[in-house]
Amino acid sequence: MKIKSLLLGSAAALAAVSGARAADAVVIAEPEPVE
């Protein structure tokens, strides 16, 4: 069961990192409105 929890933990960490990168990409992709 240790291997299963280890895989689950690494998968969760990977999802968190990729999710943060995706959020950054969205912020960069949307330019601020110029007044």
Protein backbone atom coordinates (compact mmCIF):
# COMPACT_ATOMS: atom_id res chain seq x y z
CA MET A 1 0.00 0.00 0.00
CA LYS A 2 2.98 2.30 0.47
CA ILE A 3 3.69 2.31 -3.27
CA LYS A 4 0.06 3.21 -4.01
CA SER A 5 0.10 6.16 -1.59
CA LEU A 6 3.45 7.28 -2.98
CA LEU A 7 2.07 7.25 -6.54
CA LEU A 8 -1.04 9.09 -5.40
CA GLY A 9 1.07 11.73 -3.63
CA SER A 10 3.36 12.32 -6.60
CA ALA A 11 0.34 12.50 -8.93
CA ALA A 12 -1.28 15.10 -6.66
CA ALA A 13 1.94 17.14 -6.54
CA LEU A 14 2.26 16.97 -10.33
CA ALA A 15 -1.36 18.10 -10.75
CA ALA A 16 -0.78 21.01 -8.34
CA VAL A 17 2.35 22.16 -10.20
CA SER A 18 0.78 21.88 -13.65
CA GLY A 19 -2.35 23.62 -12.34
CA ALA A 20 -0.28 26.53 -11.04
CA ARG A 21 1.57 26.78 -14.36
CA ALA A 22 -1.75 26.74 -16.25
CA ALA A 23 -3.04 29.58 -14.06
CA ASP A 24 0.12 31.61 -14.76
CA ALA A 25 -0.27 30.97 -18.48
CA VAL A 26 -3.86 32.28 -18.38
CA VAL A 27 -2.75 35.42 -16.53
CA ILE A 28 0.05 36.05 -19.04
CA ALA A 29 -2.21 35.30 -22.02
CA GLU A 30 -4.71 37.97 -20.97
CA PRO A 31 -3.13 41.42 -21.45
CA GLU A 32 -4.22 44.22 -19.15
CA PRO A 33 -6.67 46.72 -20.69
CA VAL A 34 -4.89 49.91 -21.75
CA GLU A 35 -6.61 53.12 -20.78
